[in-house]
Amino acid sequence: MVVSRLSLWVRLHNLPLHFWHHKVLEGINNLLGRYIKLDTKRVEERIFTFAKICVEVDLSKGLLDHILLTHKNQYWTQSLDFENTAF
């Protein structure tokens, strides 16, 4: 049996504060795969070093190392840090 889908936690280091919104984080999650959940504890405790999202990814498509975010006329290249992956 070959595993092609896997749920992974993704850290979004140095995410600008104007992107720390539930809908934005869900949108990022949906870019990567199927939305599972957000780590809302980090927002509630005002720990803004990184956002943390859980997504089900299709491993046959590979994992992205970054995504491009836009807000008004500003662009931000966000690096993606997949937790506990051996690949």
PDB file of N, CA and C in Angstrom:
ATOM      1  N   MET A   1       0.839  -1.181   0.000  1.00  0.00           N
ATOM      2  CA  MET A   1       0.000   0.000   0.000  1.00  0.00           C
ATOM      3  C   MET A   1       0.883   1.243   0.000  1.00  0.00           C
ATOM      4  N   VAL A   2       0.600   2.153  -0.894  1.00  0.00           N
ATOM      5  CA  VAL A   2       1.346   3.393  -1.003  1.00  0.00           C
ATOM      6  C   VAL A   2       0.485   4.531  -0.455  1.00  0.00           C
ATOM      7  N   VAL A   3       1.052   5.287   0.472  1.00  0.00           N
ATOM      8  CA  VAL A   3       0.345   6.426   1.045  1.00  0.00           C
ATOM      9  C   VAL A   3       0.518   7.612   0.110  1.00  0.00           C
ATOM     10  N   SER A   4      -0.595   8.178  -0.357  1.00  0.00           N
ATOM     11  CA  SER A   4      -0.500   9.325  -1.257  1.00  0.00           C
ATOM     12  C   SER A   4      -1.035  10.605  -0.616  1.00  0.00           C
ATOM     13  N   ARG A   5      -1.821  10.472   0.463  1.00  0.00           N
ATOM     14  CA  ARG A   5      -2.360  11.633   1.165  1.00  0.00           C
ATOM     15  C   ARG A   5      -1.932  11.551   2.626  1.00  0.00           C
ATOM     16  N   LEU A   6      -1.570  12.715   3.163  1.00  0.00           N
ATOM     17  CA  LEU A   6      -1.067  12.753   4.532  1.00  0.00           C
ATOM     18  C   LEU A   6      -1.428  14.094   5.161  1.00  0.00           C
ATOM     19  N   SER A   7      -1.829  14.059   6.424  1.00  0.00           N
ATOM     20  CA  SER A   7      -2.098  15.299   7.157  1.00  0.00           C
ATOM     21  C   SER A   7      -0.807  15.784   7.803  1.00  0.00           C
ATOM     22  N   LEU A   8      -0.474  17.043   7.533  1.00  0.00           N
ATOM     23  CA  LEU A   8       0.769  17.621   8.046  1.00  0.00           C
ATOM     24  C   LEU A   8       0.506  18.987   8.660  1.00  0.00           C
ATOM     25  N   TRP A   9       1.277  19.316   9.693  1.00  0.00           N
ATOM     26  CA  TRP A   9       1.279  20.668  10.242  1.00  0.00           C
ATOM     27  C   TRP A   9       2.297  21.494   9.471  1.00  0.00           C
ATOM     28  N   VAL A  10       1.912  22.729   9.148  1.00  0.00           N
ATOM     29  CA  VAL A  10       2.787  23.639   8.408  1.00  0.00           C
ATOM     30  C   VAL A  10       2.979  24.899   9.248  1.00  0.00           C
ATOM     31  N   ARG A  11       4.230  25.291   9.432  1.00  0.00           N
ATOM     32  CA  ARG A  11       4.540  26.537  10.125  1.00  0.00           C
ATOM     33  C   ARG A  11       4.789  27.630   9.101  1.00  0.00           C
ATOM     34  N   LEU A  12       4.205  28.793   9.371  1.00  0.00           N
ATOM     35  CA  LEU A  12       4.373  29.963   8.512  1.00  0.00           C
ATOM     36  C   LEU A  12       5.168  30.993   9.303  1.00  0.00           C
ATOM     37  N   HIS A  13       6.502  30.881   9.243  1.00  0.00           N
ATOM     38  CA  HIS A  13       7.386  31.772   9.992  1.00  0.00           C
ATOM     39  C   HIS A  13       7.340  33.186   9.425  1.00  0.00           C
ATOM     40  N   ASN A  14       7.404  34.172  10.327  1.00  0.00           N
ATOM     41  CA  ASN A  14       7.471  35.592   9.953  1.00  0.00           C
ATOM     42  C   ASN A  14       6.292  36.065   9.105  1.00  0.00           C
ATOM     43  N   LEU A  15       5.146  35.443   9.284  1.00  0.00           N
ATOM     44  CA  LEU A  15       3.951  35.862   8.549  1.00  0.00           C
ATOM     45  C   LEU A  15       3.565  37.266   9.014  1.00  0.00           C
ATOM     46  N   PRO A  16       3.436  38.233   8.094  1.00  0.00           N
ATOM     47  CA  PRO A  16       3.047  39.590   8.484  1.00  0.00           C
ATOM     48  C   PRO A  16       1.698  39.592   9.219  1.00  0.00           C
ATOM     49  N   LEU A  17       1.565  40.488  10.176  1.00  0.00           N
ATOM     50  CA  LEU A  17       0.373  40.515  11.021  1.00  0.00           C
ATOM     51  C   LEU A  17      -0.921  40.695  10.241  1.00  0.00           C
ATOM     52  N   HIS A  18      -0.901  41.424   9.131  1.00  0.00           N
ATOM     53  CA  HIS A  18      -2.148  41.622   8.386  1.00  0.00           C
ATOM     54  C   HIS A  18      -2.635  40.343   7.697  1.00  0.00           C
ATOM     55  N   PHE A  19      -1.826  39.282   7.704  1.00  0.00           N
ATOM     56  CA  PHE A  19      -2.271  37.988   7.188  1.00  0.00           C
ATOM     57  C   PHE A  19      -2.753  37.054   8.298  1.00  0.00           C
ATOM     58  N   TRP A  20      -2.651  37.480   9.562  1.00  0.00           N
ATOM     59  CA  TRP A  20      -3.099  36.665  10.692  1.00  0.00           C
ATOM     60  C   TRP A  20      -4.613  36.808  10.851  1.00  0.00           C
ATOM     61  N   HIS A  21      -5.336  36.284   9.911  1.00  0.00           N
ATOM     62  CA  HIS A  21      -6.794  36.310   9.947  1.00  0.00           C
ATOM     63  C   HIS A  21      -7.282  34.915   9.577  1.00  0.00           C
ATOM     64  N   HIS A  22      -8.327  34.470  10.255  1.00  0.00           N
ATOM     65  CA  HIS A  22      -8.835  33.112  10.063  1.00  0.00           C
ATOM     66  C   HIS A  22      -9.082  32.792   8.589  1.00  0.00           C
ATOM     67  N   LYS A  23      -9.725  33.691   7.847  1.00  0.00           N
ATOM     68  CA  LYS A  23     -10.035  33.430   6.432  1.00  0.00           C
ATOM     69  C   LYS A  23      -8.772  33.376   5.570  1.00  0.00           C
ATOM     70  N   VAL A  24      -7.791  34.214   5.879  1.00  0.00           N
ATOM     71  CA  VAL A  24      -6.530  34.196   5.127  1.00  0.00           C
ATOM     72  C   VAL A  24      -5.804  32.879   5.376  1.00  0.00           C
ATOM     73  N   LEU A  25      -5.731  32.465   6.638  1.00  0.00           N
ATOM     74  CA  LEU A  25      -5.041  31.214   6.975  1.00  0.00           C
ATOM     75  C   LEU A  25      -5.759  30.012   6.365  1.00  0.00           C
ATOM     76  N   GLU A  26      -7.093  30.023   6.359  1.00  0.00           N
ATOM     77  CA  GLU A  26      -7.840  28.951   5.696  1.00  0.00           C
ATOM     78  C   GLU A  26      -7.552  28.943   4.197  1.00  0.00           C
ATOM     79  N   GLY A  27      -7.468  30.130   3.594  1.00  0.00           N
ATOM     80  CA  GLY A  27      -7.164  30.228   2.166  1.00  0.00           C
ATOM     81  C   GLY A  27      -5.788  29.664   1.847  1.00  0.00           C
ATOM     82  N   ILE A  28      -4.797  29.965   2.698  1.00  0.00           N
ATOM     83  CA  ILE A  28      -3.460  29.403   2.525  1.00  0.00           C
ATOM     84  C   ILE A  28      -3.530  27.891   2.620  1.00  0.00           C
ATOM     85  N   ASN A  29      -4.264  27.425   3.605  1.00  0.00           N
ATOM     86  CA  ASN A  29      -4.422  25.990   3.805  1.00  0.00           C
ATOM     87  C   ASN A  29      -5.021  25.336   2.565  1.00  0.00           C
ATOM     88  N   ASN A  30      -6.028  25.955   1.981  1.00  0.00           N
ATOM     89  CA  ASN A  30      -6.676  25.388   0.794  1.00  0.00           C
ATOM     90  C   ASN A  30      -5.768  25.411  -0.436  1.00  0.00           C
ATOM     91  N   LEU A  31      -4.798  26.321  -0.479  1.00  0.00           N
ATOM     92  CA  LEU A  31      -3.817  26.312  -1.566  1.00  0.00           C
ATOM     93  C   LEU A  31      -2.934  25.070  -1.501  1.00  0.00           C
ATOM     94  N   LEU A  32      -2.688  24.607  -0.294  1.00  0.00           N
ATOM     95  CA  LEU A  32      -1.763  23.494  -0.098  1.00  0.00           C
ATOM     96  C   LEU A  32      -2.431  22.129  -0.190  1.00  0.00           C
ATOM     97  N   GLY A  33      -3.724  22.073   0.060  1.00  0.00           N
ATOM     98  CA  GLY A  33      -4.448  20.804   0.058  1.00  0.00           C
ATOM     99  C   GLY A  33      -5.798  20.976   0.719  1.00  0.00           C
ATOM    100  N   ARG A  34      -6.253  19.943   1.392  1.00  0.00           N
ATOM    101  CA  ARG A  34      -7.561  19.997   2.049  1.00  0.00           C
ATOM    102  C   ARG A  34      -7.412  20.547   3.464  1.00  0.00           C
ATOM    103  N   TYR A  35      -8.218  21.544   3.777  1.00  0.00           N
ATOM    104  CA  TYR A  35      -8.201  22.191   5.091  1.00  0.00           C
ATOM    105  C   TYR A  35      -8.548  21.186   6.192  1.00  0.00           C
ATOM    106  N   ILE A  36      -7.726  21.157   7.238  1.00  0.00           N
ATOM    107  CA  ILE A  36      -8.019  20.335   8.413  1.00  0.00           C
ATOM    108  C   ILE A  36      -8.352  21.258   9.587  1.00  0.00           C
ATOM    109  N   LYS A  37      -7.359  22.046  10.050  1.00  0.00           N
ATOM    110  CA  LYS A  37      -7.620  22.975  11.142  1.00  0.00           C
ATOM    111  C   LYS A  37      -6.482  23.971  11.292  1.00  0.00           C
ATOM    112  N   LEU A  38      -6.755  24.991  12.108  1.00  0.00           N
ATOM    113  CA  LEU A  38      -5.764  26.011  12.438  1.00  0.00           C
ATOM    114  C   LEU A  38      -5.357  25.840  13.892  1.00  0.00           C
ATOM    115  N   ASP A  39      -4.151  26.240  14.225  1.00  0.00           N
ATOM    116  CA  ASP A  39      -3.716  26.275  15.615  1.00  0.00           C
ATOM    117  C   ASP A  39      -4.128  27.637  16.172  1.00  0.00           C
ATOM    118  N   THR A  40      -5.362  27.725  16.661  1.00  0.00           N
ATOM    119  CA  THR A  40      -5.890  29.000  17.160  1.00  0.00           C
ATOM    120  C   THR A  40      -5.289  29.397  18.496  1.00  0.00           C
ATOM    121  N   LYS A  41      -4.692  28.454  19.189  1.00  0.00           N
ATOM    122  CA  LYS A  41      -4.079  28.759  20.491  1.00  0.00           C
ATOM    123  C   LYS A  41      -2.989  29.818  20.352  1.00  0.00           C
ATOM    124  N   ARG A  42      -2.241  29.773  19.272  1.00  0.00           N
ATOM    125  CA  ARG A  42      -1.161  30.738  19.054  1.00  0.00           C
ATOM    126  C   ARG A  42      -1.715  32.158  18.937  1.00  0.00           C
ATOM    127  N   VAL A  43      -2.852  32.312  18.271  1.00  0.00           N
ATOM    128  CA  VAL A  43      -3.471  33.627  18.121  1.00  0.00           C
ATOM    129  C   VAL A  43      -4.056  34.076  19.457  1.00  0.00           C
ATOM    130  N   GLU A  44      -4.764  33.172  20.125  1.00  0.00           N
ATOM    131  CA  GLU A  44      -5.382  33.507  21.406  1.00  0.00           C
ATOM    132  C   GLU A  44      -4.341  33.948  22.437  1.00  0.00           C
ATOM    133  N   GLU A  45      -3.184  33.320  22.419  1.00  0.00           N
ATOM    134  CA  GLU A  45      -2.129  33.655  23.371  1.00  0.00           C
ATOM    135  C   GLU A  45      -1.194  34.736  22.843  1.00  0.00           C
ATOM    136  N   ARG A  46      -1.521  35.273  21.639  1.00  0.00           N
ATOM    137  CA  ARG A  46      -0.757  36.352  21.014  1.00  0.00           C
ATOM    138  C   ARG A  46       0.720  35.974  20.821  1.00  0.00           C
ATOM    139  N   ILE A  47       0.933  34.756  20.337  1.00  0.00           N
ATOM    140  CA  ILE A  47       2.271  34.270  20.006  1.00  0.00           C
ATOM    141  C   ILE A  47       2.404  34.367  18.490  1.00  0.00           C
ATOM    142  N   PHE A  48       3.026  35.436  18.022  1.00  0.00           N
ATOM    143  CA  PHE A  48       3.047  35.719  16.595  1.00  0.00           C
ATOM    144  C   PHE A  48       4.383  35.397  15.922  1.00  0.00           C
ATOM    145  N   THR A  49       5.156  34.463  16.467  1.00  0.00           N
ATOM    146  CA  THR A  49       6.414  34.091  15.821  1.00  0.00           C
ATOM    147  C   THR A  49       6.160  33.293  14.543  1.00  0.00           C
ATOM    148  N   PHE A  50       5.121  32.468  14.547  1.00  0.00           N
ATOM    149  CA  PHE A  50       4.702  31.754  13.346  1.00  0.00           C
ATOM    150  C   PHE A  50       3.256  31.305  13.493  1.00  0.00           C
ATOM    151  N   ALA A  51       2.555  31.237  12.361  1.00  0.00           N
ATOM    152  CA  ALA A  51       1.207  30.665  12.331  1.00  0.00           C
ATOM    153  C   ALA A  51       1.366  29.172  12.069  1.00  0.00           C
ATOM    154  N   LYS A  52       0.383  28.411  12.498  1.00  0.00           N
ATOM    155  CA  LYS A  52       0.464  26.966  12.336  1.00  0.00           C
ATOM    156  C   LYS A  52      -0.877  26.451  11.819  1.00  0.00           C
ATOM    157  N   ILE A  53      -0.826  25.730  10.690  1.00  0.00           N
ATOM    158  CA  ILE A  53      -2.028  25.193  10.073  1.00  0.00           C
ATOM    159  C   ILE A  53      -1.830  23.710   9.786  1.00  0.00           C
ATOM    160  N   CYS A  54      -2.934  22.969   9.770  1.00  0.00           N
ATOM    161  CA  CYS A  54      -2.883  21.546   9.445  1.00  0.00           C
ATOM    162  C   CYS A  54      -3.621  21.340   8.131  1.00  0.00           C
ATOM    163  N   VAL A  55      -2.994  20.619   7.231  1.00  0.00           N
ATOM    164  CA  VAL A  55      -3.551  20.421   5.892  1.00  0.00           C
ATOM    165  C   VAL A  55      -3.309  18.979   5.451  1.00  0.00           C
ATOM    166  N   GLU A  56      -4.268  18.446   4.720  1.00  0.00           N
ATOM    167  CA  GLU A  56      -4.071  17.135   4.104  1.00  0.00           C
ATOM    168  C   GLU A  56      -3.501  17.371   2.715  1.00  0.00           C
ATOM    169  N   VAL A  57      -2.302  16.873   2.472  1.00  0.00           N
ATOM    170  CA  VAL A  57      -1.633  17.105   1.195  1.00  0.00           C
ATOM    171  C   VAL A  57      -1.626  15.835   0.352  1.00  0.00           C
ATOM    172  N   ASP A  58      -1.584  16.040  -0.942  1.00  0.00           N
ATOM    173  CA  ASP A  58      -1.447  14.951  -1.900  1.00  0.00           C
ATOM    174  C   ASP A  58       0.045  14.819  -2.197  1.00  0.00           C
ATOM    175  N   LEU A  59       0.666  13.789  -1.664  1.00  0.00           N
ATOM    176  CA  LEU A  59       2.116  13.622  -1.794  1.00  0.00           C
ATOM    177  C   LEU A  59       2.558  13.395  -3.233  1.00  0.00           C
ATOM    178  N   SER A  60       1.649  12.910  -4.078  1.00  0.00           N
ATOM    179  CA  SER A  60       2.030  12.682  -5.477  1.00  0.00           C
ATOM    180  C   SER A  60       2.274  14.000  -6.205  1.00  0.00           C
ATOM    181  N   LYS A  61       1.747  15.111  -5.663  1.00  0.00           N
ATOM    182  CA  LYS A  61       1.956  16.427  -6.264  1.00  0.00           C
ATOM    183  C   LYS A  61       3.185  17.128  -5.699  1.00  0.00           C
ATOM    184  N   GLY A  62       3.783  16.559  -4.674  1.00  0.00           N
ATOM    185  CA  GLY A  62       4.951  17.180  -4.053  1.00  0.00           C
ATOM    186  C   GLY A  62       4.532  18.261  -3.060  1.00  0.00           C
ATOM    187  N   LEU A  63       5.507  18.748  -2.298  1.00  0.00           N
ATOM    188  CA  LEU A  63       5.263  19.785  -1.304  1.00  0.00           C
ATOM    189  C   LEU A  63       5.894  21.090  -1.770  1.00  0.00           C
ATOM    190  N   LEU A  64       5.132  22.158  -1.669  1.00  0.00           N
ATOM    191  CA  LEU A  64       5.661  23.474  -2.021  1.00  0.00           C
ATOM    192  C   LEU A  64       6.617  23.941  -0.930  1.00  0.00           C
ATOM    193  N   ASP A  65       7.593  24.760  -1.289  1.00  0.00           N
ATOM    194  CA  ASP A  65       8.481  25.320  -0.262  1.00  0.00           C
ATOM    195  C   ASP A  65       8.127  26.766   0.051  1.00  0.00           C
ATOM    196  N   HIS A  66       7.278  27.384  -0.804  1.00  0.00           N
ATOM    197  CA  HIS A  66       6.814  28.747  -0.544  1.00  0.00           C
ATOM    198  C   HIS A  66       5.560  29.033  -1.379  1.00  0.00           C
ATOM    199  N   ILE A  67       4.853  30.088  -0.987  1.00  0.00           N
ATOM    200  CA  ILE A  67       3.697  30.566  -1.741  1.00  0.00           C
ATOM    201  C   ILE A  67       3.768  32.088  -1.797  1.00  0.00           C
ATOM    202  N   LEU A  68       3.071  32.669  -2.754  1.00  0.00           N
ATOM    203  CA  LEU A  68       3.027  34.123  -2.897  1.00  0.00           C
ATOM    204  C   LEU A  68       1.684  34.621  -2.379  1.00  0.00           C
ATOM    205  N   LEU A  69       1.709  35.546  -1.425  1.00  0.00           N
ATOM    206  CA  LEU A  69       0.508  36.146  -0.863  1.00  0.00           C
ATOM    207  C   LEU A  69       0.418  37.591  -1.320  1.00  0.00           C
ATOM    208  N   THR A  70      -0.800  38.083  -1.515  1.00  0.00           N
ATOM    209  CA  THR A  70      -0.993  39.481  -1.892  1.00  0.00           C
ATOM    210  C   THR A  70      -1.990  40.132  -0.945  1.00  0.00           C
ATOM    211  N   HIS A  71      -1.756  41.394  -0.667  1.00  0.00           N
ATOM    212  CA  HIS A  71      -2.665  42.200   0.145  1.00  0.00           C
ATOM    213  C   HIS A  71      -2.623  43.607  -0.424  1.00  0.00           C
ATOM    214  N   LYS A  72      -3.751  44.027  -1.011  1.00  0.00           N
ATOM    215  CA  LYS A  72      -3.807  45.300  -1.719  1.00  0.00           C
ATOM    216  C   LYS A  72      -2.722  45.295  -2.792  1.00  0.00           C
ATOM    217  N   ASN A  73      -1.756  46.196  -2.764  1.00  0.00           N
ATOM    218  CA  ASN A  73      -0.682  46.208  -3.761  1.00  0.00           C
ATOM    219  C   ASN A  73       0.628  45.671  -3.204  1.00  0.00           C
ATOM    220  N   GLN A  74       0.565  44.939  -2.117  1.00  0.00           N
ATOM    221  CA  GLN A  74       1.770  44.386  -1.510  1.00  0.00           C
ATOM    222  C   GLN A  74       1.840  42.884  -1.771  1.00  0.00           C
ATOM    223  N   TYR A  75       3.053  42.412  -1.991  1.00  0.00           N
ATOM    224  CA  TYR A  75       3.280  40.988  -2.237  1.00  0.00           C
ATOM    225  C   TYR A  75       4.206  40.449  -1.155  1.00  0.00           C
ATOM    226  N   TRP A  76       3.968  39.205  -0.764  1.00  0.00           N
ATOM    227  CA  TRP A  76       4.780  38.580   0.275  1.00  0.00           C
ATOM    228  C   TRP A  76       5.045  37.138  -0.124  1.00  0.00           C
ATOM    229  N   THR A  77       6.323  36.752  -0.173  1.00  0.00           N
ATOM    230  CA  THR A  77       6.678  35.361  -0.414  1.00  0.00           C
ATOM    231  C   THR A  77       6.786  34.678   0.938  1.00  0.00           C
ATOM    232  N   GLN A  78       5.904  33.724   1.171  1.00  0.00           N
ATOM    233  CA  GLN A  78       5.837  33.038   2.453  1.00  0.00           C
ATOM    234  C   GLN A  78       6.482  31.667   2.339  1.00  0.00           C
ATOM    235  N   SER A  79       7.503  31.431   3.165  1.00  0.00           N
ATOM    236  CA  SER A  79       8.120  30.104   3.193  1.00  0.00           C
ATOM    237  C   SER A  79       7.237  29.151   3.990  1.00  0.00           C
ATOM    238  N   LEU A  80       7.295  27.880   3.643  1.00  0.00           N
ATOM    239  CA  LEU A  80       6.481  26.847   4.279  1.00  0.00           C
ATOM    240  C   LEU A  80       7.398  25.849   4.970  1.00  0.00           C
ATOM    241  N   ASP A  81       7.145  25.598   6.227  1.00  0.00           N
ATOM    242  CA  ASP A  81       7.943  24.660   7.012  1.00  0.00           C
ATOM    243  C   ASP A  81       7.039  23.503   7.449  1.00  0.00           C
ATOM    244  N   PHE A  82       7.125  22.381   6.744  1.00  0.00           N
ATOM    245  CA  PHE A  82       6.308  21.203   7.065  1.00  0.00           C
ATOM    246  C   PHE A  82       6.953  20.471   8.234  1.00  0.00           C
ATOM    247  N   GLU A  83       6.179  20.272   9.304  1.00  0.00           N
ATOM    248  CA  GLU A  83       6.697  19.622  10.513  1.00  0.00           C
ATOM    249  C   GLU A  83       6.789  18.121  10.346  1.00  0.00           C
ATOM    250  N   ASN A  84       7.794  17.546  10.973  1.00  0.00           N
ATOM    251  CA  ASN A  84       7.941  16.092  11.089  1.00  0.00           C
ATOM    252  C   ASN A  84       7.875  15.343   9.766  1.00  0.00           C
ATOM    253  N   THR A  85       8.559  15.874   8.764  1.00  0.00           N
ATOM    254  CA  THR A  85       8.630  15.174   7.484  1.00  0.00           C
ATOM    255  C   THR A  85      10.064  14.707   7.270  1.00  0.00           C
ATOM    256  N   ALA A  86      10.173  13.517   6.726  1.00  0.00           N
ATOM    257  CA  ALA A  86      11.492  12.965   6.434  1.00  0.00           C
ATOM    258  C   ALA A  86      11.864  13.192   4.970  1.00  0.00           C
ATOM    259  N   PHE A  87      11.076  13.979   4.262  1.00  0.00           N
ATOM    260  CA  PHE A  87      11.312  14.204   2.844  1.00  0.00           C
ATOM    261  C   PHE A  87      11.249  15.676   2.528  1.00  0.00           C
TER     262      PHE A  87
END
